[in-house]
PDB file of all heavy atoms in Angstrom:
ATOM      1  N   ASP A   1      -5.145  17.297   2.881  1.00  0.00           N
ATOM      2  CA  ASP A   1      -4.774  17.929   1.605  1.00  0.00           C
ATOM      3  C   ASP A   1      -4.215  16.986   0.557  1.00  0.00           C
ATOM      4  O   ASP A   1      -4.509  17.152  -0.646  1.00  0.00           O
ATOM      5  CB  ASP A   1      -3.638  19.010   1.933  1.00  0.00           C
ATOM      6  CG  ASP A   1      -4.133  20.051   2.828  1.00  0.00           C
ATOM      7  OD1 ASP A   1      -5.398  20.337   2.797  1.00  0.00           O
ATOM      8  OD2 ASP A   1      -3.246  20.652   3.606  1.00  0.00           O
ATOM      9  N   GLY A   2      -3.519  15.991   0.915  1.00  0.00           N
ATOM     10  CA  GLY A   2      -2.921  15.029  -0.018  1.00  0.00           C
ATOM     11  C   GLY A   2      -3.709  13.790  -0.264  1.00  0.00           C
ATOM     12  O   GLY A   2      -4.853  13.748   0.156  1.00  0.00           O
ATOM     13  N   PRO A   3      -3.097  12.871  -0.933  1.00  0.00           N
ATOM     14  CA  PRO A   3      -3.802  11.598  -1.186  1.00  0.00           C
ATOM     15  C   PRO A   3      -3.950  10.759   0.184  1.00  0.00           C
ATOM     16  O   PRO A   3      -3.289  11.104   1.201  1.00  0.00           O
ATOM     17  CB  PRO A   3      -2.808  10.863  -2.114  1.00  0.00           C
ATOM     18  CG  PRO A   3      -1.494  11.469  -1.924  1.00  0.00           C
ATOM     19  CD  PRO A   3      -1.755  12.866  -1.466  1.00  0.00           C
ATOM     20  N   ALA A   4      -4.777   9.811   0.080  1.00  0.00           N
ATOM     21  CA  ALA A   4      -4.953   8.976   1.326  1.00  0.00           C
ATOM     22  C   ALA A   4      -3.687   8.286   1.723  1.00  0.00           C
ATOM     23  O   ALA A   4      -2.956   7.804   0.758  1.00  0.00           O
ATOM     24  CB  ALA A   4      -6.035   7.946   1.011  1.00  0.00           C
ATOM     25  N   LEU A   5      -3.372   8.400   2.931  1.00  0.00           N
ATOM     26  CA  LEU A   5      -2.053   7.678   3.365  1.00  0.00           C
ATOM     27  C   LEU A   5      -2.219   6.160   3.420  1.00  0.00           C
ATOM     28  O   LEU A   5      -1.087   5.539   3.212  1.00  0.00           O
ATOM     29  CB  LEU A   5      -1.743   8.226   4.736  1.00  0.00           C
ATOM     30  CG  LEU A   5      -1.550   9.690   4.854  1.00  0.00           C
ATOM     31  CD1 LEU A   5      -1.164  10.093   6.287  1.00  0.00           C
ATOM     32  CD2 LEU A   5      -0.416  10.140   3.929  1.00  0.00           C
ATOM     33  N   TYR A   6      -3.303   5.605   3.581  1.00  0.00           N
ATOM     34  CA  TYR A   6      -3.409   4.186   3.719  1.00  0.00           C
ATOM     35  C   TYR A   6      -4.553   3.640   2.677  1.00  0.00           C
ATOM     36  O   TYR A   6      -5.610   4.059   2.724  1.00  0.00           O
ATOM     37  CB  TYR A   6      -3.763   3.748   5.113  1.00  0.00           C
ATOM     38  CG  TYR A   6      -4.024   2.343   5.292  1.00  0.00           C
ATOM     39  CD1 TYR A   6      -2.973   1.338   5.118  1.00  0.00           C
ATOM     40  CD2 TYR A   6      -5.293   1.863   5.517  1.00  0.00           C
ATOM     41  CE1 TYR A   6      -3.270   0.001   5.256  1.00  0.00           C
ATOM     42  CE2 TYR A   6      -5.500   0.520   5.656  1.00  0.00           C
ATOM     43  CZ  TYR A   6      -4.490  -0.474   5.595  1.00  0.00           C
ATOM     44  OH  TYR A   6      -4.775  -1.786   5.699  1.00  0.00           O
ATOM     45  N   ASN A   7      -4.092   2.670   1.960  1.00  0.00           N
ATOM     46  CA  ASN A   7      -5.077   2.010   1.007  1.00  0.00           C
ATOM     47  C   ASN A   7      -5.384   0.622   1.551  1.00  0.00           C
ATOM     48  O   ASN A   7      -4.412  -0.207   1.560  1.00  0.00           O
ATOM     49  CB  ASN A   7      -4.509   1.967  -0.439  1.00  0.00           C
ATOM     50  CG  ASN A   7      -5.510   1.391  -1.317  1.00  0.00           C
ATOM     51  OD1 ASN A   7      -6.584   0.905  -0.961  1.00  0.00           O
ATOM     52  ND2 ASN A   7      -5.106   1.308  -2.648  1.00  0.00           N
ATOM     53  N   PRO A   8      -6.517   0.341   2.082  1.00  0.00           N
ATOM     54  CA  PRO A   8      -6.832  -0.944   2.692  1.00  0.00           C
ATOM     55  C   PRO A   8      -7.032  -2.075   1.701  1.00  0.00           C
ATOM     56  O   PRO A   8      -7.270  -3.253   2.107  1.00  0.00           O
ATOM     57  CB  PRO A   8      -8.143  -0.674   3.430  1.00  0.00           C
ATOM     58  CG  PRO A   8      -8.764   0.324   2.674  1.00  0.00           C
ATOM     59  CD  PRO A   8      -7.688   1.224   2.105  1.00  0.00           C
ATOM     60  N   ASP A   9      -6.811  -1.876   0.421  1.00  0.00           N
ATOM     61  CA  ASP A   9      -6.940  -2.896  -0.621  1.00  0.00           C
ATOM     62  C   ASP A   9      -5.915  -4.026  -0.340  1.00  0.00           C
ATOM     63  O   ASP A   9      -4.740  -3.751  -0.144  1.00  0.00           O
ATOM     64  CB  ASP A   9      -6.792  -2.419  -1.973  1.00  0.00           C
ATOM     65  CG  ASP A   9      -7.122  -3.332  -3.043  1.00  0.00           C
ATOM     66  OD1 ASP A   9      -7.607  -4.465  -2.710  1.00  0.00           O
ATOM     67  OD2 ASP A   9      -6.801  -3.075  -4.260  1.00  0.00           O
ATOM     68  N   MET A  10      -6.363  -5.261  -0.237  1.00  0.00           N
ATOM     69  CA  MET A  10      -5.501  -6.350   0.068  1.00  0.00           C
ATOM     70  C   MET A  10      -4.727  -6.886  -1.147  1.00  0.00           C
ATOM     71  O   MET A  10      -3.669  -7.540  -0.981  1.00  0.00           O
ATOM     72  CB  MET A  10      -6.290  -7.491   0.612  1.00  0.00           C
ATOM     73  CG  MET A  10      -7.120  -7.187   1.924  1.00  0.00           C
ATOM     74  SD  MET A  10      -6.002  -6.542   3.233  1.00  0.00           S
ATOM     75  CE  MET A  10      -5.407  -8.099   3.872  1.00  0.00           C
ATOM     76  N   ALA A  11      -5.267  -6.629  -2.347  1.00  0.00           N
ATOM     77  CA  ALA A  11      -4.622  -7.180  -3.553  1.00  0.00           C
ATOM     78  C   ALA A  11      -3.493  -6.126  -4.080  1.00  0.00           C
ATOM     79  O   ALA A  11      -3.835  -4.941  -4.106  1.00  0.00           O
ATOM     80  CB  ALA A  11      -5.589  -7.385  -4.636  1.00  0.00           C
ATOM     81  N   GLU A  12      -2.380  -6.588  -4.307  1.00  0.00           N
ATOM     82  CA  GLU A  12      -1.321  -5.718  -4.899  1.00  0.00           C
ATOM     83  C   GLU A  12      -0.952  -6.197  -6.259  1.00  0.00           C
ATOM     84  O   GLU A  12      -0.893  -7.424  -6.414  1.00  0.00           O
ATOM     85  CB  GLU A  12      -0.132  -5.715  -3.966  1.00  0.00           C
ATOM     86  CG  GLU A  12      -0.157  -4.849  -2.779  1.00  0.00           C
ATOM     87  CD  GLU A  12      -0.250  -3.373  -3.062  1.00  0.00           C
ATOM     88  OE1 GLU A  12       0.231  -2.959  -4.167  1.00  0.00           O
ATOM     89  OE2 GLU A  12      -0.791  -2.584  -2.271  1.00  0.00           O
ATOM     90  N   LYS A  13      -0.667  -5.381  -7.157  1.00  0.00           N
ATOM     91  CA  LYS A  13      -0.246  -5.757  -8.493  1.00  0.00           C
ATOM     92  C   LYS A  13       1.071  -5.153  -8.699  1.00  0.00           C
ATOM     93  O   LYS A  13       1.475  -4.157  -8.196  1.00  0.00           O
ATOM     94  CB  LYS A  13      -1.256  -5.135  -9.581  1.00  0.00           C
ATOM     95  CG  LYS A  13      -2.734  -5.580  -9.329  1.00  0.00           C
ATOM     96  CD  LYS A  13      -3.636  -4.646  -9.734  1.00  0.00           C
ATOM     97  CE  LYS A  13      -5.033  -4.977  -9.341  1.00  0.00           C
ATOM     98  NZ  LYS A  13      -5.439  -4.582  -8.027  1.00  0.00           N
ATOM     99  N   GLY A  14       1.850  -6.012  -9.452  1.00  0.00           N
ATOM    100  CA  GLY A  14       3.232  -5.502  -9.829  1.00  0.00           C
ATOM    101  C   GLY A  14       4.274  -6.268  -8.947  1.00  0.00           C
ATOM    102  O   GLY A  14       4.158  -7.424  -8.602  1.00  0.00           O
ATOM    103  N   GLU A  15       5.307  -5.550  -8.632  1.00  0.00           N
ATOM    104  CA  GLU A  15       6.544  -6.098  -8.047  1.00  0.00           C
ATOM    105  C   GLU A  15       6.276  -6.304  -6.568  1.00  0.00           C
ATOM    106  O   GLU A  15       5.585  -5.546  -5.834  1.00  0.00           O
ATOM    107  CB  GLU A  15       7.730  -5.094  -8.251  1.00  0.00           C
ATOM    108  CG  GLU A  15       8.035  -4.876  -9.649  1.00  0.00           C
ATOM    109  CD  GLU A  15       8.863  -3.688  -9.837  1.00  0.00           C
ATOM    110  OE1 GLU A  15       9.484  -3.146  -8.822  1.00  0.00           O
ATOM    111  OE2 GLU A  15       9.046  -3.233 -11.003  1.00  0.00           O
ATOM    112  N   PRO A  16       6.699  -7.486  -6.038  1.00  0.00           N
ATOM    113  CA  PRO A  16       6.523  -7.759  -4.642  1.00  0.00           C
ATOM    114  C   PRO A  16       7.172  -6.781  -3.668  1.00  0.00           C
ATOM    115  O   PRO A  16       6.619  -6.541  -2.596  1.00  0.00           O
ATOM    116  CB  PRO A  16       7.253  -9.119  -4.398  1.00  0.00           C
ATOM    117  CG  PRO A  16       7.379  -9.645  -5.710  1.00  0.00           C
ATOM    118  CD  PRO A  16       7.394  -8.510  -6.683  1.00  0.00           C
ATOM    119  N   GLU A  17       8.185  -6.136  -4.071  1.00  0.00           N
ATOM    120  CA  GLU A  17       8.903  -5.128  -3.204  1.00  0.00           C
ATOM    121  C   GLU A  17       7.981  -3.927  -2.864  1.00  0.00           C
ATOM    122  O   GLU A  17       8.036  -3.328  -1.891  1.00  0.00           O
ATOM    123  CB  GLU A  17      10.156  -4.608  -3.859  1.00  0.00           C
ATOM    124  CG  GLU A  17      11.219  -5.668  -4.078  1.00  0.00           C
ATOM    125  CD  GLU A  17      11.077  -6.352  -5.376  1.00  0.00           C
ATOM    126  OE1 GLU A  17      10.498  -5.872  -6.245  1.00  0.00           O
ATOM    127  OE2 GLU A  17      11.558  -7.552  -5.352  1.00  0.00           O
ATOM    128  N   LYS A  18       7.145  -3.653  -3.767  1.00  0.00           N
ATOM    129  CA  LYS A  18       6.156  -2.539  -3.544  1.00  0.00           C
ATOM    130  C   LYS A  18       4.908  -2.872  -2.796  1.00  0.00           C
ATOM    131  O   LYS A  18       4.112  -2.083  -2.482  1.00  0.00           O
ATOM    132  CB  LYS A  18       5.717  -1.905  -4.979  1.00  0.00           C
ATOM    133  CG  LYS A  18       6.911  -1.390  -5.746  1.00  0.00           C
ATOM    134  CD  LYS A  18       6.557  -0.758  -6.967  1.00  0.00           C
ATOM    135  CE  LYS A  18       7.744  -0.096  -7.701  1.00  0.00           C
ATOM    136  NZ  LYS A  18       7.367   0.392  -8.978  1.00  0.00           N
ATOM    137  N   ALA A  19       4.753  -4.236  -2.452  1.00  0.00           N
ATOM    138  CA  ALA A  19       3.578  -4.682  -1.805  1.00  0.00           C
ATOM    139  C   ALA A  19       3.772  -4.705  -0.300  1.00  0.00           C
ATOM    140  O   ALA A  19       2.913  -5.085   0.455  1.00  0.00           O
ATOM    141  CB  ALA A  19       3.186  -5.969  -2.318  1.00  0.00           C
ATOM    142  N   ILE A  20       5.015  -4.457   0.144  1.00  0.00           N
ATOM    143  CA  ILE A  20       5.306  -4.538   1.599  1.00  0.00           C
ATOM    144  C   ILE A  20       4.730  -3.338   2.350  1.00  0.00           C
ATOM    145  O   ILE A  20       4.809  -2.168   1.935  1.00  0.00           O
ATOM    146  CB  ILE A  20       6.776  -4.560   1.814  1.00  0.00           C
ATOM    147  CG1 ILE A  20       7.333  -5.835   1.152  1.00  0.00           C
ATOM    148  CG2 ILE A  20       7.122  -4.486   3.252  1.00  0.00           C
ATOM    149  CD1 ILE A  20       8.855  -5.894   1.243  1.00  0.00           C
ATOM    150  N   ARG A  21       3.895  -3.587   3.399  1.00  0.00           N
ATOM    151  CA  ARG A  21       3.376  -2.548   4.166  1.00  0.00           C
ATOM    152  C   ARG A  21       3.769  -2.657   5.565  1.00  0.00           C
ATOM    153  O   ARG A  21       3.737  -3.695   6.203  1.00  0.00           O
ATOM    154  CB  ARG A  21       1.786  -2.676   4.093  1.00  0.00           C
ATOM    155  CG  ARG A  21       1.222  -2.475   2.755  1.00  0.00           C
ATOM    156  CD  ARG A  21      -0.231  -2.572   2.804  1.00  0.00           C
ATOM    157  NE  ARG A  21      -0.773  -2.509   1.505  1.00  0.00           N
ATOM    158  CZ  ARG A  21      -2.062  -2.474   1.142  1.00  0.00           C
ATOM    159  NH1 ARG A  21      -2.916  -2.440   2.099  1.00  0.00           N
ATOM    160  NH2 ARG A  21      -2.433  -2.388  -0.068  1.00  0.00           N
ATOM    161  N   ILE A  22       4.081  -1.584   6.178  1.00  0.00           N
ATOM    162  CA  ILE A  22       4.412  -1.415   7.592  1.00  0.00           C
ATOM    163  C   ILE A  22       3.537  -0.410   8.236  1.00  0.00           C
ATOM    164  O   ILE A  22       3.474   0.754   7.814  1.00  0.00           O
ATOM    165  CB  ILE A  22       5.884  -1.030   7.831  1.00  0.00           C
ATOM    166  CG1 ILE A  22       6.896  -2.006   7.133  1.00  0.00           C
ATOM    167  CG2 ILE A  22       6.205  -0.815   9.329  1.00  0.00           C
ATOM    168  CD1 ILE A  22       8.287  -1.597   7.206  1.00  0.00           C
ATOM    169  N   ILE A  23       2.692  -0.926   9.118  1.00  0.00           N
ATOM    170  CA  ILE A  23       1.731  -0.115   9.782  1.00  0.00           C
ATOM    171  C   ILE A  23       2.098   0.134  11.230  1.00  0.00           C
ATOM    172  O   ILE A  23       2.276  -0.774  11.993  1.00  0.00           O
ATOM    173  CB  ILE A  23       0.274  -0.652   9.686  1.00  0.00           C
ATOM    174  CG1 ILE A  23      -0.033  -0.932   8.196  1.00  0.00           C
ATOM    175  CG2 ILE A  23      -0.691   0.146  10.389  1.00  0.00           C
ATOM    176  CD1 ILE A  23      -1.238  -1.694   7.998  1.00  0.00           C
ATOM    177  N   LEU A  24       2.315   1.382  11.579  1.00  0.00           N
ATOM    178  CA  LEU A  24       2.688   1.762  12.920  1.00  0.00           C
ATOM    179  C   LEU A  24       1.532   2.482  13.647  1.00  0.00           C
ATOM    180  O   LEU A  24       0.785   3.187  13.010  1.00  0.00           O
ATOM    181  CB  LEU A  24       3.918   2.611  12.944  1.00  0.00           C
ATOM    182  CG  LEU A  24       5.208   2.052  12.267  1.00  0.00           C
ATOM    183  CD1 LEU A  24       6.192   3.104  12.102  1.00  0.00           C
ATOM    184  CD2 LEU A  24       5.737   0.911  12.981  1.00  0.00           C
TER     185      LEU A  24
END
């Protein structure tokens, strides 16, 4: 129903704090 939960794109733009990913 909602947006994709995981975006596999390796490049992040913007602030480093928003680029942290934890995959469980």
